[in-house]
Every structure is written in C-alpha cells, then in structure tokens.
C-alpha cells in the first residue's frame, strides 16, 4: 500500500490526488462497515485501535494518525489504491466545522455519544481534514470530512438536526470545495 495515502499536509480539497482521496474514503468505508458488524459494536465508533494521541501536531496530523493506524489494521483486507469514487454502500458523507463549534453537547446527548460534546464525529469515520481558504481565519473554511455507514445515518442525522450552530452537516448540504469536487 502506498504510504502517501495518509501523508500530512494534503488539506487542499482541490489539490489532493483522486487516488489519495478515494483510497482514504475506501479504507474508511471498509473500516466502519466492519465495525458495525462486530459483536462489541457501539454507535460511538471510537475504537481503541484508532484512538489518537492527545499531543499531536494539529488537526490534520490527528486525522492522518488515525488513517495510518486504520490502514495498518486493514492490512490483508482488500483496500487497493482507488482511482474511482468508491461505492458508499448507502452510507453518507458529513462535514464538521471545528471553528464553528459552540460545544453545547446537544448532539452528543441526542446521539448517545456518536458526536462528542464538541460535536466531533467519531474518529473511526474520519476521511480527511481540508481547508478551503488557508490563512483566512473563517469559521467555515476548515473542516473534517467523515463517512457515516448506513447503520448510523439515522442517529447521525438526529445529531445534525439538534445542532444549533450547524457545525455538523451532511456534505450534500455544505458549501465546500470538497463537495463541489466530488459532485463532478
């Protein structure tokens, strides 16, 4: 497997290679759909295998750390380099805008921990961290892209509905460069 799939500093949603983006998404789909079939499955989707270090070099570093561990855990599972957009298996893509978060805990309570108190989607679902306008300081420029498997779409949607600041949205409802790119 190409080690550059989870390399840091691939945060430009228009510059990241299709093969990198699609492989990240494919690995996340494979991982999350495997998790929901485990006997010890819990909707919080925060597996101990992927728990990232508290002290890291930033958001992109944390996402890449999770991805690298997930890639290692998937060794032997068929996740080749993807050159086409993978099948979402009836799951959905969502975005989380960390700079727009008010940390009210409503989504966490509504989803029994799928979202945390800061409205962060579970790390098992992380696909990539992107920034549409680096250095602008806008609260909706930087975001986390996450994949929600079909089994958890309803619970995730209930968290999105109660989120007053709209820092978590389905990708289809978000005005982001990654959405526009993936729509092509």
C-alpha atoms as a PDB file:
ATOM      1  CA  UNK A   1       0.000   0.000   0.000  1.00  0.00           C
ATOM      2  CA  UNK A   2       1.280   3.434  -0.885  1.00  0.00           C
ATOM      3  CA  UNK A   3       2.397   5.192   2.322  1.00  0.00           C
ATOM      4  CA  UNK A   4       1.493   8.626   0.913  1.00  0.00           C
ATOM      5  CA  UNK A   5      -2.239   7.954   1.337  1.00  0.00           C
ATOM      6  CA  UNK A   6      -2.156   9.347   4.882  1.00  0.00           C
ATOM      7  CA  UNK A   7       0.675  11.851   4.464  1.00  0.00           C
ATOM      8  CA  UNK A   8       0.221  15.147   6.269  1.00  0.00           C
ATOM      9  CA  UNK A   9      -0.433  18.493   4.584  1.00  0.00           C
ATOM     10  CA  UNK A  10      -2.855  17.201   1.958  1.00  0.00           C
ATOM     11  CA  UNK A  11      -5.514  19.657   3.108  1.00  0.00           C
ATOM     12  CA  UNK A  12      -6.277  21.452  -0.164  1.00  0.00           C
ATOM     13  CA  UNK A  13      -9.558  19.874  -1.335  1.00  0.00           C
ATOM     14  CA  UNK A  14      -8.769  20.661  -4.963  1.00  0.00           C
ATOM     15  CA  UNK A  15      -5.120  19.560  -4.945  1.00  0.00           C
ATOM     16  CA  UNK A  16      -5.332  16.199  -3.161  1.00  0.00           C
ATOM     17  CA  UNK A  17      -4.927  13.438  -5.738  1.00  0.00           C
ATOM     18  CA  UNK A  18      -8.043  11.460  -6.642  1.00  0.00           C
ATOM     19  CA  UNK A  19      -6.217   8.234  -5.824  1.00  0.00           C
ATOM     20  CA  UNK A  20      -5.380   9.519  -2.326  1.00  0.00           C
ATOM     21  CA  UNK A  21      -8.865  10.882  -1.612  1.00  0.00           C
ATOM     22  CA  UNK A  22     -10.678   7.824  -2.978  1.00  0.00           C
ATOM     23  CA  UNK A  23      -8.374   5.395  -1.175  1.00  0.00           C
ATOM     24  CA  UNK A  24      -8.835   7.249   2.118  1.00  0.00           C
ATOM     25  CA  UNK A  25     -12.580   7.090   1.614  1.00  0.00           C
ATOM     26  CA  UNK A  26     -12.460   3.430   0.590  1.00  0.00           C
ATOM     27  CA  UNK A  27     -10.441   2.491   3.692  1.00  0.00           C
ATOM     28  CA  UNK A  28     -12.846   4.416   5.920  1.00  0.00           C
ATOM     29  CA  UNK A  29     -15.859   2.714   4.327  1.00  0.00           C
ATOM     30  CA  UNK A  30     -14.250  -0.707   4.773  1.00  0.00           C
ATOM     31  CA  UNK A  31     -13.311   0.003   8.399  1.00  0.00           C
ATOM     32  CA  UNK A  32     -16.639   1.469   9.512  1.00  0.00           C
ATOM     33  CA  UNK A  33     -18.721  -1.198   7.819  1.00  0.00           C
ATOM     34  CA  UNK A  34     -16.596  -3.854   9.518  1.00  0.00           C
ATOM     35  CA  UNK A  35     -17.019  -2.108  12.889  1.00  0.00           C
ATOM     36  CA  UNK A  36     -20.814  -2.091  12.717  1.00  0.00           C
ATOM     37  CA  UNK A  37     -20.852  -5.876  12.309  1.00  0.00           C
ATOM     38  CA  UNK A  38     -18.680  -6.620  15.368  1.00  0.00           C
ATOM     39  CA  UNK A  39     -20.291  -8.209  18.411  1.00  0.00           C
ATOM     40  CA  UNK A  40     -18.844  -5.423  20.600  1.00  0.00           C
ATOM     41  CA  UNK A  41     -20.150  -2.655  18.290  1.00  0.00           C
ATOM     42  CA  UNK A  42     -21.118   0.626  19.948  1.00  0.00           C
ATOM     43  CA  UNK A  43     -22.519   3.615  17.995  1.00  0.00           C
ATOM     44  CA  UNK A  44     -19.839   5.915  19.425  1.00  0.00           C
ATOM     45  CA  UNK A  45     -17.458   4.493  16.755  1.00  0.00           C
ATOM     46  CA  UNK A  46     -14.358   5.356  18.755  1.00  0.00           C
ATOM     47  CA  UNK A  47     -12.381   2.139  18.629  1.00  0.00           C
ATOM     48  CA  UNK A  48      -9.386   1.794  20.915  1.00  0.00           C
ATOM     49  CA  UNK A  49      -7.245   0.694  17.954  1.00  0.00           C
ATOM     50  CA  UNK A  50      -7.595   4.102  16.293  1.00  0.00           C
ATOM     51  CA  UNK A  51      -7.553   6.376  19.339  1.00  0.00           C
ATOM     52  CA  UNK A  52      -5.131   9.176  18.530  1.00  0.00           C
ATOM     53  CA  UNK A  53      -2.543  10.706  20.804  1.00  0.00           C
ATOM     54  CA  UNK A  54      -3.617  13.631  22.926  1.00  0.00           C
ATOM     55  CA  UNK A  55      -0.499  15.586  21.977  1.00  0.00           C
ATOM     56  CA  UNK A  56      -0.285  15.850  18.213  1.00  0.00           C
ATOM     57  CA  UNK A  57       0.796  18.437  15.671  1.00  0.00           C
ATOM     58  CA  UNK A  58      -2.689  19.673  14.800  1.00  0.00           C
ATOM     59  CA  UNK A  59      -5.973  18.592  13.241  1.00  0.00           C
ATOM     60  CA  UNK A  60      -4.525  17.237  10.011  1.00  0.00           C
ATOM     61  CA  UNK A  61      -1.907  15.307  11.997  1.00  0.00           C
ATOM     62  CA  UNK A  62      -4.594  13.701  14.179  1.00  0.00           C
ATOM     63  CA  UNK A  63      -6.656  12.666  11.136  1.00  0.00           C
ATOM     64  CA  UNK A  64      -3.592  11.240   9.376  1.00  0.00           C
ATOM     65  CA  UNK A  65      -2.533   9.372  12.520  1.00  0.00           C
ATOM     66  CA  UNK A  66      -5.959   7.727  12.702  1.00  0.00           C
ATOM     67  CA  UNK A  67      -5.791   6.926   8.987  1.00  0.00           C
ATOM     68  CA  UNK A  68      -2.330   5.406   9.178  1.00  0.00           C
ATOM     69  CA  UNK A  69      -3.337   3.146  12.073  1.00  0.00           C
ATOM     70  CA  UNK A  70      -6.547   2.184  10.262  1.00  0.00           C
ATOM     71  CA  UNK A  71      -4.546   1.366   7.111  1.00  0.00           C
ATOM     72  CA  UNK A  72      -2.234  -0.832   9.178  1.00  0.00           C
ATOM     73  CA  UNK A  73      -5.231  -2.540  10.843  1.00  0.00           C
ATOM     74  CA  UNK A  74      -6.714  -3.228   7.398  1.00  0.00           C
ATOM     75  CA  UNK A  75      -3.554  -4.955   6.154  1.00  0.00           C
ATOM     76  CA  UNK A  76      -4.684  -8.064   4.358  1.00  0.00           C
ATOM     77  CA  UNK A  77      -8.125  -6.617   3.677  1.00  0.00           C
ATOM     78  CA  UNK A  78      -8.741  -5.611   0.087  1.00  0.00           C
ATOM     79  CA  UNK A  79      -8.237  -1.843   0.025  1.00  0.00           C
ATOM     80  CA  UNK A  80      -6.162  -1.238  -3.086  1.00  0.00           C
ATOM     81  CA  UNK A  81      -5.367   2.215  -4.419  1.00  0.00           C
ATOM     82  CA  UNK A  82      -8.652   3.618  -5.716  1.00  0.00           C
ATOM     83  CA  UNK A  83      -8.811   5.537  -8.963  1.00  0.00           C
ATOM     84  CA  UNK A  84     -12.587   5.971  -8.985  1.00  0.00           C
ATOM     85  CA  UNK A  85     -15.069   7.190  -6.404  1.00  0.00           C
ATOM     86  CA  UNK A  86     -15.912   4.205  -4.164  1.00  0.00           C
ATOM     87  CA  UNK A  87     -19.393   2.832  -3.511  1.00  0.00           C
ATOM     88  CA  UNK A  88     -20.729   4.487  -0.337  1.00  0.00           C
ATOM     89  CA  UNK A  89     -22.793   1.361   0.479  1.00  0.00           C
ATOM     90  CA  UNK A  90     -25.798   3.551   1.367  1.00  0.00           C
ATOM     91  CA  UNK A  91     -23.681   5.483   3.871  1.00  0.00           C
ATOM     92  CA  UNK A  92     -23.291   9.260   3.732  1.00  0.00           C
ATOM     93  CA  UNK A  93     -20.540  11.837   3.903  1.00  0.00           C
ATOM     94  CA  UNK A  94     -20.653  14.600   6.501  1.00  0.00           C
ATOM     95  CA  UNK A  95     -18.542  17.592   7.387  1.00  0.00           C
ATOM     96  CA  UNK A  96     -17.653  19.050  10.754  1.00  0.00           C
ATOM     97  CA  UNK A  97     -16.506  22.682  11.056  1.00  0.00           C
ATOM     98  CA  UNK A  98     -14.432  22.773  14.276  1.00  0.00           C
ATOM     99  CA  UNK A  99     -14.073  26.557  14.268  1.00  0.00           C
ATOM    100  CA  UNK A 100     -17.855  26.994  14.232  1.00  0.00           C
ATOM    101  CA  UNK A 101     -18.474  24.759  17.236  1.00  0.00           C
ATOM    102  CA  UNK A 102     -20.155  26.122  20.368  1.00  0.00           C
ATOM    103  CA  UNK A 103     -19.676  22.927  22.397  1.00  0.00           C
ATOM    104  CA  UNK A 104     -23.250  22.761  23.719  1.00  0.00           C
ATOM    105  CA  UNK A 105     -23.459  18.963  23.984  1.00  0.00           C
ATOM    106  CA  UNK A 106     -26.895  18.673  22.324  1.00  0.00           C
ATOM    107  CA  UNK A 107     -25.677  16.400  19.513  1.00  0.00           C
ATOM    108  CA  UNK A 108     -23.747  14.238  21.982  1.00  0.00           C
ATOM    109  CA  UNK A 109     -26.823  13.749  24.148  1.00  0.00           C
ATOM    110  CA  UNK A 110     -29.154  13.161  21.186  1.00  0.00           C
ATOM    111  CA  UNK A 111     -26.871  10.515  19.647  1.00  0.00           C
ATOM    112  CA  UNK A 112     -25.764   8.729  22.829  1.00  0.00           C
ATOM    113  CA  UNK A 113     -22.155   9.649  22.111  1.00  0.00           C
ATOM    114  CA  UNK A 114     -21.884   9.316  18.326  1.00  0.00           C
ATOM    115  CA  UNK A 115     -20.908  13.003  18.382  1.00  0.00           C
ATOM    116  CA  UNK A 116     -18.882  14.148  21.371  1.00  0.00           C
ATOM    117  CA  UNK A 117     -19.529  17.268  23.454  1.00  0.00           C
ATOM    118  CA  UNK A 118     -17.620  19.312  20.852  1.00  0.00           C
ATOM    119  CA  UNK A 119     -19.768  17.837  18.024  1.00  0.00           C
ATOM    120  CA  UNK A 120     -16.792  15.916  16.611  1.00  0.00           C
ATOM    121  CA  UNK A 121     -17.783  12.841  14.600  1.00  0.00           C
ATOM    122  CA  UNK A 122     -16.155   9.623  15.842  1.00  0.00           C
ATOM    123  CA  UNK A 123     -12.558   9.065  14.748  1.00  0.00           C
ATOM    124  CA  UNK A 124     -13.394   5.735  13.122  1.00  0.00           C
ATOM    125  CA  UNK A 125     -15.282   7.773  10.484  1.00  0.00           C
ATOM    126  CA  UNK A 126     -12.590  10.347   9.609  1.00  0.00           C
ATOM    127  CA  UNK A 127     -11.639  10.625   5.923  1.00  0.00           C
ATOM    128  CA  UNK A 128      -9.662  13.869   5.756  1.00  0.00           C
ATOM    129  CA  UNK A 129      -9.123  17.359   7.086  1.00  0.00           C
ATOM    130  CA  UNK A 130      -9.487  20.107   4.490  1.00  0.00           C
ATOM    131  CA  UNK A 131      -9.127  23.869   4.339  1.00  0.00           C
ATOM    132  CA  UNK A 132     -10.902  25.778   1.564  1.00  0.00           C
ATOM    133  CA  UNK A 133      -9.177  29.089   2.320  1.00  0.00           C
ATOM    134  CA  UNK A 134      -5.955  28.718   4.313  1.00  0.00           C
ATOM    135  CA  UNK A 135      -4.988  31.785   6.337  1.00  0.00           C
ATOM    136  CA  UNK A 136      -8.418  33.415   6.002  1.00  0.00           C
ATOM    137  CA  UNK A 137      -9.487  32.650   9.572  1.00  0.00           C
ATOM    138  CA  UNK A 138     -13.075  31.956   8.525  1.00  0.00           C
ATOM    139  CA  UNK A 139     -15.044  29.626  10.800  1.00  0.00           C
ATOM    140  CA  UNK A 140     -16.344  27.571   7.858  1.00  0.00           C
ATOM    141  CA  UNK A 141     -13.146  27.293   5.833  1.00  0.00           C
ATOM    142  CA  UNK A 142     -11.547  24.300   7.583  1.00  0.00           C
ATOM    143  CA  UNK A 143     -13.454  21.086   8.106  1.00  0.00           C
ATOM    144  CA  UNK A 144     -13.274  17.385   8.761  1.00  0.00           C
ATOM    145  CA  UNK A 145     -14.784  15.027   6.185  1.00  0.00           C
ATOM    146  CA  UNK A 146     -16.296  11.882   7.708  1.00  0.00           C
ATOM    147  CA  UNK A 147     -18.110   8.812   6.402  1.00  0.00           C
ATOM    148  CA  UNK A 148     -21.212   7.540   8.208  1.00  0.00           C
ATOM    149  CA  UNK A 149     -22.131   3.904   7.486  1.00  0.00           C
ATOM    150  CA  UNK A 150     -25.766   3.181   6.608  1.00  0.00           C
ATOM    151  CA  UNK A 151     -26.483   1.661  10.015  1.00  0.00           C
ATOM    152  CA  UNK A 152     -25.650   5.010  11.705  1.00  0.00           C
ATOM    153  CA  UNK A 153     -27.098   7.524   9.218  1.00  0.00           C
ATOM    154  CA  UNK A 154     -30.316   7.956  11.222  1.00  0.00           C
ATOM    155  CA  UNK A 155     -28.539   8.521  14.534  1.00  0.00           C
ATOM    156  CA  UNK A 156     -26.065  10.950  12.920  1.00  0.00           C
ATOM    157  CA  UNK A 157     -28.942  12.818  11.309  1.00  0.00           C
ATOM    158  CA  UNK A 158     -30.619  13.236  14.704  1.00  0.00           C
ATOM    159  CA  UNK A 159     -27.434  14.921  15.968  1.00  0.00           C
ATOM    160  CA  UNK A 160     -27.278  17.197  12.936  1.00  0.00           C
ATOM    161  CA  UNK A 161     -30.885  18.257  13.491  1.00  0.00           C
ATOM    162  CA  UNK A 162     -30.306  19.358  17.113  1.00  0.00           C
ATOM    163  CA  UNK A 163     -27.002  21.112  16.365  1.00  0.00           C
ATOM    164  CA  UNK A 164     -27.943  24.824  16.611  1.00  0.00           C
ATOM    165  CA  UNK A 165     -24.699  26.264  15.233  1.00  0.00           C
ATOM    166  CA  UNK A 166     -24.741  23.953  12.180  1.00  0.00           C
ATOM    167  CA  UNK A 167     -21.107  22.975  12.582  1.00  0.00           C
ATOM    168  CA  UNK A 168     -22.037  19.430  11.508  1.00  0.00           C
ATOM    169  CA  UNK A 169     -23.780  18.956   8.171  1.00  0.00           C
ATOM    170  CA  UNK A 170     -24.285  16.321   5.541  1.00  0.00           C
ATOM    171  CA  UNK A 171     -21.798  17.002   2.772  1.00  0.00           C
ATOM    172  CA  UNK A 172     -24.688  17.461   0.345  1.00  0.00           C
ATOM    173  CA  UNK A 173     -25.827  20.471   2.438  1.00  0.00           C
ATOM    174  CA  UNK A 174     -22.397  22.069   2.870  1.00  0.00           C
ATOM    175  CA  UNK A 175     -20.959  24.741   0.609  1.00  0.00           C
ATOM    176  CA  UNK A 176     -17.429  23.354   0.477  1.00  0.00           C
ATOM    177  CA  UNK A 177     -14.867  22.786  -2.228  1.00  0.00           C
ATOM    178  CA  UNK A 178     -14.742  19.067  -1.463  1.00  0.00           C
ATOM    179  CA  UNK A 179     -18.494  18.764  -2.100  1.00  0.00           C
ATOM    180  CA  UNK A 180     -18.197  20.585  -5.396  1.00  0.00           C
ATOM    181  CA  UNK A 181     -15.248  18.416  -6.380  1.00  0.00           C
ATOM    182  CA  UNK A 182     -16.971  15.139  -5.505  1.00  0.00           C
ATOM    183  CA  UNK A 183     -20.141  16.176  -7.339  1.00  0.00           C
ATOM    184  CA  UNK A 184     -18.221  16.244 -10.600  1.00  0.00           C
END
